[in-house]
Amino acid sequence: MIACTSTGASLSYIEDYKSAVEPKTNFDNTGGLENLVELFSDLQHQDVSQRVAKTYAEDLYFNDTLHTFTQRDSLAQYLIDGANRVDEINVIFEDIASSGDNYYVRWVMEMKFKVMGKSIDSKSIGISQIRLNDEGKIIFHQDFWDNTTGFFGHLPVVGGVLNRIKASMK
């Protein structure tokens, strides 16, 4: 097996995650999960900003393995920008489980987008760890998914390099 080295950036990511997940809250309001399903079921809808405000608390921790956000307005703009860069995006929620204050949402994301004039159909699977505040709004959202297969693997040059790395590890 090839040894991996940690960089300062990855250590910061781990510490940010641990810091954000640490506070515990007691709640009995899971409306935020219904709002999450509504939001991600149509990210190209014209009222994404309003849906984000209905779903997420103003101060939050959101990490999708690509970016981290701590303010709702920044997250809303990121989701809008991302949806505008793809031809189609669909998130299908398949299962929800809970443990203590955490919810785990299993999903499939399908995207259609163009790279250098070539149409790409991408499908990836993931799980999101969600925590809600007493008002039922999401205060913690951590995605776990393989973005190399679901996204980066489709990009010119980058995809080829990733495929060679994966092949060398077999």
N, C-alpha and C. Protein backbone atom coordinates (compact mmCIF):
# COMPACT_ATOMS: atom_id res chain seq x y z
N MET A 1 0.84 -1.18 0.00
CA MET A 1 0.00 0.00 0.00
C MET A 1 0.89 1.24 0.00
N ILE A 2 0.46 2.25 -0.64
CA ILE A 2 1.20 3.50 -0.73
C ILE A 2 0.92 4.32 0.52
N ALA A 3 1.95 4.84 1.13
CA ALA A 3 1.77 5.67 2.33
C ALA A 3 1.28 7.05 1.94
N CYS A 4 0.42 7.59 2.77
CA CYS A 4 -0.12 8.93 2.54
C CYS A 4 0.49 9.87 3.56
N THR A 5 0.73 11.08 3.15
CA THR A 5 1.22 12.08 4.09
C THR A 5 0.15 13.11 4.31
N SER A 6 0.13 13.66 5.50
CA SER A 6 -0.85 14.69 5.83
C SER A 6 -0.25 16.05 5.56
N THR A 7 -1.06 16.93 5.06
CA THR A 7 -0.63 18.30 4.87
C THR A 7 -1.32 19.18 5.90
N GLY A 8 -0.86 20.39 6.03
CA GLY A 8 -1.50 21.33 6.95
C GLY A 8 -2.96 21.53 6.60
N ALA A 9 -3.28 21.55 5.29
CA ALA A 9 -4.66 21.76 4.87
C ALA A 9 -5.55 20.62 5.33
N SER A 10 -5.08 19.37 5.21
CA SER A 10 -5.92 18.26 5.62
C SER A 10 -6.07 18.21 7.13
N LEU A 11 -5.04 18.61 7.87
CA LEU A 11 -5.15 18.67 9.32
C LEU A 11 -6.16 19.73 9.73
N SER A 12 -6.15 20.86 9.05
CA SER A 12 -7.12 21.91 9.32
C SER A 12 -8.53 21.42 9.05
N TYR A 13 -8.72 20.68 7.98
CA TYR A 13 -10.03 20.13 7.62
C TYR A 13 -10.52 19.23 8.74
N ILE A 14 -9.66 18.37 9.24
CA ILE A 14 -10.04 17.44 10.31
C ILE A 14 -10.37 18.20 11.59
N GLU A 15 -9.56 19.18 11.94
CA GLU A 15 -9.82 19.97 13.15
C GLU A 15 -11.10 20.79 13.01
N ASP A 16 -11.34 21.35 11.82
CA ASP A 16 -12.59 22.10 11.59
C ASP A 16 -13.80 21.19 11.76
N TYR A 17 -13.71 19.97 11.23
CA TYR A 17 -14.80 19.00 11.35
C TYR A 17 -15.04 18.66 12.82
N LYS A 18 -13.98 18.33 13.54
CA LYS A 18 -14.12 17.96 14.95
C LYS A 18 -14.70 19.11 15.77
N SER A 19 -14.27 20.32 15.50
CA SER A 19 -14.76 21.48 16.22
C SER A 19 -16.25 21.72 15.94
N ALA A 20 -16.65 21.55 14.69
CA ALA A 20 -18.05 21.80 14.32
C ALA A 20 -18.98 20.70 14.82
N VAL A 21 -18.53 19.47 14.89
CA VAL A 21 -19.39 18.36 15.29
C VAL A 21 -19.50 18.24 16.80
N GLU A 22 -18.61 18.85 17.54
CA GLU A 22 -18.55 18.70 18.99
C GLU A 22 -19.79 19.18 19.75
N PRO A 23 -20.31 20.38 19.49
CA PRO A 23 -21.46 20.82 20.29
C PRO A 23 -22.65 19.88 20.12
N LYS A 24 -23.25 19.49 21.21
CA LYS A 24 -24.42 18.61 21.19
C LYS A 24 -25.66 19.44 21.49
N THR A 25 -26.75 19.10 20.83
CA THR A 25 -28.01 19.77 21.11
C THR A 25 -29.09 18.71 21.27
N ASN A 26 -30.10 19.03 22.02
CA ASN A 26 -31.26 18.16 22.13
C ASN A 26 -32.37 18.76 21.30
N PHE A 27 -32.99 17.95 20.48
CA PHE A 27 -34.05 18.46 19.63
C PHE A 27 -35.00 17.33 19.30
N ASP A 28 -36.17 17.69 18.90
CA ASP A 28 -37.16 16.71 18.48
C ASP A 28 -37.86 17.20 17.22
N ASN A 29 -37.20 18.09 16.48
CA ASN A 29 -37.80 18.70 15.30
C ASN A 29 -36.99 18.30 14.07
N THR A 30 -37.51 17.43 13.25
CA THR A 30 -36.77 16.98 12.07
C THR A 30 -37.28 17.63 10.79
N GLY A 31 -37.97 18.74 10.90
CA GLY A 31 -38.45 19.45 9.71
C GLY A 31 -37.33 19.84 8.78
N GLY A 32 -36.14 20.06 9.33
CA GLY A 32 -34.99 20.41 8.51
C GLY A 32 -34.64 19.35 7.49
N LEU A 33 -34.93 18.09 7.82
CA LEU A 33 -34.66 17.02 6.86
C LEU A 33 -35.63 17.08 5.69
N GLU A 34 -36.88 17.39 5.97
CA GLU A 34 -37.86 17.56 4.89
C GLU A 34 -37.45 18.73 4.01
N ASN A 35 -36.99 19.81 4.63
CA ASN A 35 -36.55 20.97 3.86
C ASN A 35 -35.31 20.64 3.04
N LEU A 36 -34.42 19.82 3.59
CA LEU A 36 -33.21 19.40 2.87
C LEU A 36 -33.58 18.63 1.61
N VAL A 37 -34.51 17.70 1.74
CA VAL A 37 -34.96 16.92 0.59
C VAL A 37 -35.57 17.84 -0.46
N GLU A 38 -36.40 18.77 -0.03
CA GLU A 38 -37.02 19.72 -0.97
C GLU A 38 -35.97 20.57 -1.68
N LEU A 39 -35.00 21.07 -0.94
CA LEU A 39 -33.95 21.92 -1.51
C LEU A 39 -33.15 21.18 -2.56
N PHE A 40 -32.61 20.01 -2.19
CA PHE A 40 -31.70 19.30 -3.09
C PHE A 40 -32.42 18.52 -4.17
N SER A 41 -33.72 18.39 -4.07
CA SER A 41 -34.48 17.73 -5.14
C SER A 41 -34.57 18.61 -6.38
N ASP A 42 -34.37 19.91 -6.22
CA ASP A 42 -34.41 20.82 -7.37
C ASP A 42 -33.50 22.02 -7.11
N LEU A 43 -32.20 21.81 -7.26
CA LEU A 43 -31.24 22.90 -7.03
C LEU A 43 -31.27 23.96 -8.13
N GLN A 44 -31.94 23.69 -9.22
CA GLN A 44 -32.02 24.66 -10.30
C GLN A 44 -33.32 25.47 -10.24
N HIS A 45 -34.05 25.32 -9.16
CA HIS A 45 -35.29 26.07 -8.97
C HIS A 45 -34.95 27.54 -8.73
N GLN A 46 -35.85 28.43 -9.10
CA GLN A 46 -35.58 29.87 -9.02
C GLN A 46 -35.49 30.40 -7.59
N ASP A 47 -36.03 29.67 -6.61
CA ASP A 47 -36.02 30.20 -5.24
C ASP A 47 -35.05 29.44 -4.30
N VAL A 48 -33.89 29.06 -4.82
CA VAL A 48 -32.91 28.31 -4.02
C VAL A 48 -32.50 29.11 -2.78
N SER A 49 -32.31 30.40 -2.90
CA SER A 49 -31.91 31.21 -1.73
C SER A 49 -32.95 31.12 -0.62
N GLN A 50 -34.23 31.19 -0.97
CA GLN A 50 -35.28 31.09 0.04
C GLN A 50 -35.32 29.69 0.64
N ARG A 51 -35.10 28.67 -0.19
CA ARG A 51 -35.09 27.30 0.31
C ARG A 51 -33.91 27.06 1.25
N VAL A 52 -32.76 27.64 0.93
CA VAL A 52 -31.59 27.52 1.80
C VAL A 52 -31.88 28.19 3.14
N ALA A 53 -32.50 29.37 3.11
CA ALA A 53 -32.83 30.08 4.35
C ALA A 53 -33.83 29.29 5.20
N LYS A 54 -34.73 28.57 4.55
CA LYS A 54 -35.71 27.75 5.26
C LYS A 54 -35.07 26.49 5.85
N THR A 55 -33.96 26.03 5.27
CA THR A 55 -33.35 24.75 5.61
C THR A 55 -32.18 24.88 6.58
N TYR A 56 -31.33 25.90 6.38
CA TYR A 56 -30.08 26.04 7.14
C TYR A 56 -30.13 27.23 8.10
N ALA A 57 -29.48 27.07 9.24
CA ALA A 57 -29.32 28.18 10.18
C ALA A 57 -28.34 29.19 9.60
N GLU A 58 -28.41 30.42 10.08
CA GLU A 58 -27.51 31.48 9.60
C GLU A 58 -26.05 31.09 9.80
N ASP A 59 -25.70 30.65 10.99
CA ASP A 59 -24.34 30.18 11.28
C ASP A 59 -24.36 28.67 11.23
N LEU A 60 -23.47 28.09 10.47
CA LEU A 60 -23.49 26.65 10.23
C LEU A 60 -22.10 26.15 9.90
N TYR A 61 -22.00 24.86 9.79
CA TYR A 61 -20.81 24.21 9.24
C TYR A 61 -21.32 23.34 8.10
N PHE A 62 -20.83 23.59 6.88
CA PHE A 62 -21.21 22.82 5.70
C PHE A 62 -19.94 22.46 4.96
N ASN A 63 -19.73 21.17 4.71
CA ASN A 63 -18.58 20.73 3.93
C ASN A 63 -19.04 19.64 2.98
N ASP A 64 -18.83 19.85 1.68
CA ASP A 64 -19.23 18.86 0.68
C ASP A 64 -18.04 18.13 0.07
N THR A 65 -16.92 18.13 0.74
CA THR A 65 -15.61 17.58 0.35
C THR A 65 -14.88 18.48 -0.64
N LEU A 66 -15.55 19.46 -1.18
CA LEU A 66 -14.91 20.41 -2.10
C LEU A 66 -14.72 21.77 -1.44
N HIS A 67 -15.73 22.20 -0.68
CA HIS A 67 -15.71 23.52 -0.04
C HIS A 67 -16.33 23.45 1.35
N THR A 68 -15.92 24.38 2.20
CA THR A 68 -16.49 24.51 3.54
C THR A 68 -17.09 25.90 3.69
N PHE A 69 -18.30 25.94 4.27
CA PHE A 69 -18.98 27.21 4.50
C PHE A 69 -19.44 27.28 5.94
N THR A 70 -19.43 28.49 6.49
CA THR A 70 -19.92 28.71 7.85
C THR A 70 -21.04 29.75 7.90
N GLN A 71 -21.39 30.31 6.74
CA GLN A 71 -22.48 31.29 6.66
C GLN A 71 -23.48 30.86 5.59
N ARG A 72 -24.75 30.96 5.93
CA ARG A 72 -25.83 30.52 5.05
C ARG A 72 -25.82 31.23 3.69
N ASP A 73 -25.59 32.54 3.67
CA ASP A 73 -25.62 33.27 2.40
C ASP A 73 -24.54 32.79 1.44
N SER A 74 -23.36 32.48 1.96
CA SER A 74 -22.27 31.96 1.12
C SER A 74 -22.63 30.58 0.58
N LEU A 75 -23.25 29.76 1.40
CA LEU A 75 -23.68 28.44 0.96
C LEU A 75 -24.73 28.58 -0.15
N ALA A 76 -25.69 29.46 0.02
CA ALA A 76 -26.73 29.65 -0.99
C ALA A 76 -26.12 30.05 -2.32
N GLN A 77 -25.19 30.99 -2.31
CA GLN A 77 -24.55 31.43 -3.55
C GLN A 77 -23.76 30.30 -4.21
N TYR A 78 -23.08 29.50 -3.41
CA TYR A 78 -22.33 28.34 -3.90
C TYR A 78 -23.26 27.35 -4.59
N LEU A 79 -24.39 27.04 -3.98
CA LEU A 79 -25.34 26.10 -4.58
C LEU A 79 -25.93 26.64 -5.87
N ILE A 80 -26.24 27.93 -5.88
CA ILE A 80 -26.78 28.57 -7.09
C ILE A 80 -25.74 28.53 -8.21
N ASP A 81 -24.51 28.92 -7.89
CA ASP A 81 -23.44 28.93 -8.90
C ASP A 81 -23.20 27.52 -9.45
N GLY A 82 -23.17 26.53 -8.57
CA GLY A 82 -22.95 25.15 -9.00
C GLY A 82 -24.06 24.66 -9.91
N ALA A 83 -25.29 24.94 -9.54
CA ALA A 83 -26.43 24.51 -10.36
C ALA A 83 -26.43 25.20 -11.72
N ASN A 84 -25.95 26.43 -11.78
CA ASN A 84 -25.89 27.16 -13.05
C ASN A 84 -24.80 26.63 -13.97
N ARG A 85 -23.82 25.90 -13.41
CA ARG A 85 -22.71 25.37 -14.22
C ARG A 85 -23.01 23.99 -14.81
N VAL A 86 -24.11 23.39 -14.44
CA VAL A 86 -24.46 22.07 -14.97
C VAL A 86 -25.75 22.16 -15.76
N ASP A 87 -25.91 21.21 -16.67
CA ASP A 87 -27.14 21.18 -17.46
C ASP A 87 -28.30 20.62 -16.65
N GLU A 88 -27.98 19.67 -15.79
CA GLU A 88 -29.02 19.04 -14.98
C GLU A 88 -28.38 18.46 -13.73
N ILE A 89 -29.06 18.57 -12.61
CA ILE A 89 -28.60 17.95 -11.37
C ILE A 89 -29.81 17.41 -10.63
N ASN A 90 -29.66 16.20 -10.14
CA ASN A 90 -30.76 15.55 -9.44
C ASN A 90 -30.17 14.78 -8.26
N VAL A 91 -30.68 15.02 -7.07
CA VAL A 91 -30.26 14.30 -5.88
C VAL A 91 -31.44 13.47 -5.40
N ILE A 92 -31.22 12.18 -5.29
CA ILE A 92 -32.26 11.25 -4.85
C ILE A 92 -31.89 10.77 -3.46
N PHE A 93 -32.77 11.01 -2.51
CA PHE A 93 -32.53 10.58 -1.13
C PHE A 93 -33.08 9.18 -0.97
N GLU A 94 -32.21 8.26 -0.55
CA GLU A 94 -32.59 6.86 -0.48
C GLU A 94 -32.86 6.35 0.93
N ASP A 95 -32.25 6.97 1.93
CA ASP A 95 -32.39 6.43 3.28
C ASP A 95 -31.98 7.48 4.30
N ILE A 96 -32.62 7.47 5.44
CA ILE A 96 -32.25 8.35 6.56
C ILE A 96 -32.15 7.49 7.81
N ALA A 97 -31.03 7.62 8.51
CA ALA A 97 -30.84 6.92 9.78
C ALA A 97 -30.44 7.95 10.82
N SER A 98 -30.64 7.62 12.09
CA SER A 98 -30.26 8.55 13.14
C SER A 98 -29.47 7.83 14.22
N SER A 99 -28.63 8.60 14.88
CA SER A 99 -27.85 8.13 16.03
C SER A 99 -27.59 9.33 16.91
N GLY A 100 -28.17 9.34 18.10
CA GLY A 100 -28.02 10.50 18.97
C GLY A 100 -28.56 11.74 18.30
N ASP A 101 -27.75 12.79 18.25
CA ASP A 101 -28.15 14.06 17.63
C ASP A 101 -27.89 14.11 16.14
N ASN A 102 -27.40 13.03 15.57
CA ASN A 102 -26.99 13.03 14.17
C ASN A 102 -27.97 12.26 13.30
N TYR A 103 -28.16 12.78 12.09
CA TYR A 103 -28.90 12.08 11.05
C TYR A 103 -27.92 11.78 9.93
N TYR A 104 -28.09 10.62 9.33
CA TYR A 104 -27.24 10.21 8.21
C TYR A 104 -28.15 9.96 7.03
N VAL A 105 -27.94 10.72 5.98
CA VAL A 105 -28.80 10.69 4.81
C VAL A 105 -28.00 10.10 3.65
N ARG A 106 -28.49 8.96 3.13
CA ARG A 106 -27.83 8.30 2.01
C ARG A 106 -28.49 8.78 0.71
N TRP A 107 -27.65 9.15 -0.26
CA TRP A 107 -28.18 9.76 -1.48
C TRP A 107 -27.42 9.32 -2.72
N VAL A 108 -28.05 9.55 -3.87
CA VAL A 108 -27.43 9.38 -5.18
C VAL A 108 -27.56 10.72 -5.90
N MET A 109 -26.45 11.21 -6.45
CA MET A 109 -26.48 12.48 -7.20
C MET A 109 -26.19 12.18 -8.66
N GLU A 110 -27.07 12.67 -9.51
CA GLU A 110 -26.90 12.54 -10.95
C GLU A 110 -26.70 13.94 -11.53
N MET A 111 -25.67 14.08 -12.34
CA MET A 111 -25.40 15.38 -12.98
C MET A 111 -25.15 15.17 -14.47
N LYS A 112 -25.60 16.14 -15.22
CA LYS A 112 -25.27 16.21 -16.65
C LYS A 112 -24.61 17.56 -16.86
N PHE A 113 -23.42 17.53 -17.45
CA PHE A 113 -22.70 18.77 -17.70
C PHE A 113 -21.79 18.58 -18.91
N LYS A 114 -21.28 19.68 -19.41
CA LYS A 114 -20.39 19.64 -20.57
C LYS A 114 -18.99 20.05 -20.15
N VAL A 115 -18.02 19.33 -20.68
CA VAL A 115 -16.62 19.66 -20.48
C VAL A 115 -15.97 19.68 -21.85
N MET A 116 -15.49 20.84 -22.24
CA MET A 116 -14.85 21.02 -23.55
C MET A 116 -15.74 20.50 -24.68
N GLY A 117 -17.04 20.82 -24.59
CA GLY A 117 -17.99 20.45 -25.62
C GLY A 117 -18.51 19.02 -25.53
N LYS A 118 -17.98 18.23 -24.63
CA LYS A 118 -18.40 16.84 -24.48
C LYS A 118 -19.42 16.74 -23.35
N SER A 119 -20.55 16.08 -23.63
CA SER A 119 -21.59 15.89 -22.62
C SER A 119 -21.19 14.75 -21.69
N ILE A 120 -21.32 15.00 -20.39
CA ILE A 120 -20.96 14.03 -19.36
C ILE A 120 -22.19 13.69 -18.53
N ASP A 121 -22.44 12.41 -18.35
CA ASP A 121 -23.45 11.94 -17.41
C ASP A 121 -22.71 11.35 -16.23
N SER A 122 -22.88 11.94 -15.08
CA SER A 122 -22.17 11.51 -13.88
C SER A 122 -23.17 11.04 -12.83
N LYS A 123 -22.82 9.98 -12.14
CA LYS A 123 -23.65 9.49 -11.05
C LYS A 123 -22.71 9.15 -9.91
N SER A 124 -23.04 9.62 -8.71
CA SER A 124 -22.22 9.29 -7.55
C SER A 124 -23.12 9.02 -6.35
N ILE A 125 -22.56 8.31 -5.38
CA ILE A 125 -23.29 8.00 -4.16
C ILE A 125 -22.61 8.69 -2.99
N GLY A 126 -23.38 8.98 -1.97
CA GLY A 126 -22.80 9.61 -0.79
C GLY A 126 -23.71 9.52 0.41
N ILE A 127 -23.14 9.98 1.51
CA ILE A 127 -23.87 10.06 2.77
C ILE A 127 -23.58 11.43 3.37
N SER A 128 -24.60 12.05 3.92
CA SER A 128 -24.43 13.33 4.62
C SER A 128 -24.74 13.14 6.09
N GLN A 129 -23.87 13.67 6.92
CA GLN A 129 -24.12 13.71 8.37
C GLN A 129 -24.74 15.07 8.66
N ILE A 130 -25.91 15.06 9.28
CA ILE A 130 -26.69 16.28 9.50
C ILE A 130 -26.99 16.43 10.98
N ARG A 131 -26.93 17.66 11.46
CA ARG A 131 -27.35 17.97 12.82
C ARG A 131 -28.23 19.22 12.75
N LEU A 132 -29.33 19.20 13.50
CA LEU A 132 -30.30 20.29 13.50
C LEU A 132 -30.26 21.06 14.81
N ASN A 133 -30.66 22.33 14.75
CA ASN A 133 -30.82 23.09 15.99
C ASN A 133 -32.24 22.89 16.52
N ASP A 134 -32.57 23.56 17.63
CA ASP A 134 -33.89 23.40 18.24
C ASP A 134 -35.02 23.90 17.35
N GLU A 135 -34.70 24.73 16.36
CA GLU A 135 -35.70 25.26 15.43
C GLU A 135 -35.87 24.36 14.21
N GLY A 136 -35.12 23.25 14.14
CA GLY A 136 -35.23 22.34 13.01
C GLY A 136 -34.41 22.76 11.80
N LYS A 137 -33.51 23.72 11.98
CA LYS A 137 -32.64 24.15 10.87
C LYS A 137 -31.29 23.46 10.99
N ILE A 138 -30.71 23.19 9.85
CA ILE A 138 -29.43 22.48 9.81
C ILE A 138 -28.31 23.41 10.27
N ILE A 139 -27.55 22.94 11.24
CA ILE A 139 -26.38 23.68 11.74
C ILE A 139 -25.08 22.96 11.38
N PHE A 140 -25.19 21.69 10.99
CA PHE A 140 -24.02 20.89 10.65
C PHE A 140 -24.37 19.98 9.49
N HIS A 141 -23.55 20.04 8.42
CA HIS A 141 -23.78 19.21 7.23
C HIS A 141 -22.42 18.81 6.68
N GLN A 142 -22.09 17.54 6.81
CA GLN A 142 -20.82 17.02 6.28
C GLN A 142 -21.14 15.93 5.28
N ASP A 143 -20.71 16.12 4.03
CA ASP A 143 -20.90 15.10 3.00
C ASP A 143 -19.71 14.16 2.99
N PHE A 144 -20.00 12.90 2.71
CA PHE A 144 -18.98 11.88 2.50
C PHE A 144 -19.29 11.24 1.16
N TRP A 145 -18.43 11.49 0.16
CA TRP A 145 -18.61 10.92 -1.17
C TRP A 145 -17.29 10.94 -1.91
N ASP A 146 -17.20 10.14 -2.95
CA ASP A 146 -15.99 10.04 -3.75
C ASP A 146 -16.08 11.04 -4.90
N ASN A 147 -15.56 12.23 -4.68
CA ASN A 147 -15.65 13.25 -5.74
C ASN A 147 -14.70 12.96 -6.90
N THR A 148 -13.70 12.07 -6.72
CA THR A 148 -12.82 11.73 -7.84
C THR A 148 -13.59 10.94 -8.89
N THR A 149 -14.46 10.03 -8.47
CA THR A 149 -15.25 9.25 -9.42
C THR A 149 -16.45 10.05 -9.89
N GLY A 150 -17.11 10.74 -8.98
CA GLY A 150 -18.35 11.44 -9.32
C GLY A 150 -18.16 12.72 -10.10
N PHE A 151 -16.98 13.34 -10.00
CA PHE A 151 -16.80 14.62 -10.69
C PHE A 151 -15.43 14.72 -11.38
N PHE A 152 -14.36 14.74 -10.59
CA PHE A 152 -13.03 14.99 -11.14
C PHE A 152 -12.60 13.96 -12.18
N GLY A 153 -13.05 12.73 -12.05
CA GLY A 153 -12.69 11.68 -12.99
C GLY A 153 -13.19 11.93 -14.40
N HIS A 154 -14.15 12.83 -14.56
CA HIS A 154 -14.71 13.14 -15.87
C HIS A 154 -13.99 14.30 -16.56
N LEU A 155 -13.12 14.98 -15.85
CA LEU A 155 -12.45 16.15 -16.41
C LEU A 155 -11.27 15.75 -17.29
N PRO A 156 -11.07 16.47 -18.40
CA PRO A 156 -9.91 16.19 -19.25
C PRO A 156 -8.62 16.35 -18.44
N VAL A 157 -7.64 15.59 -18.76
CA VAL A 157 -6.32 15.57 -18.12
C VAL A 157 -6.43 15.05 -16.69
N VAL A 158 -7.19 15.74 -15.84
CA VAL A 158 -7.32 15.34 -14.43
C VAL A 158 -7.88 13.92 -14.35
N GLY A 159 -8.91 13.62 -15.13
CA GLY A 159 -9.51 12.29 -15.12
C GLY A 159 -8.52 11.22 -15.52
N GLY A 160 -7.72 11.50 -16.54
CA GLY A 160 -6.69 10.54 -16.98
C GLY A 160 -5.66 10.27 -15.91
N VAL A 161 -5.21 11.33 -15.26
CA VAL A 161 -4.23 11.19 -14.17
C VAL A 161 -4.82 10.37 -13.03
N LEU A 162 -6.05 10.67 -12.63
CA LEU A 162 -6.71 9.92 -11.55
C LEU A 162 -6.86 8.44 -11.92
N ASN A 163 -7.24 8.16 -13.15
CA ASN A 163 -7.39 6.77 -13.57
C ASN A 163 -6.07 6.02 -13.54
N ARG A 164 -4.97 6.68 -13.94
CA ARG A 164 -3.65 6.04 -13.87
C ARG A 164 -3.23 5.79 -12.43
N ILE A 165 -3.52 6.72 -11.55
CA ILE A 165 -3.19 6.53 -10.12
C ILE A 165 -3.98 5.36 -9.57
N LYS A 166 -5.27 5.31 -9.86
CA LYS A 166 -6.10 4.21 -9.36
C LYS A 166 -5.60 2.87 -9.90
N ALA A 167 -5.26 2.83 -11.20
CA ALA A 167 -4.78 1.59 -11.79
C ALA A 167 -3.46 1.14 -11.17
N SER A 168 -2.63 2.08 -10.78
CA SER A 168 -1.33 1.71 -10.18
C SER A 168 -1.49 1.16 -8.77
N MET A 169 -2.64 1.38 -8.15
CA MET A 169 -2.86 0.93 -6.78
C MET A 169 -3.50 -0.45 -6.71
N LYS A 170 -3.81 -1.05 -7.86
CA LYS A 170 -4.46 -2.38 -7.88
C LYS A 170 -3.45 -3.47 -7.63
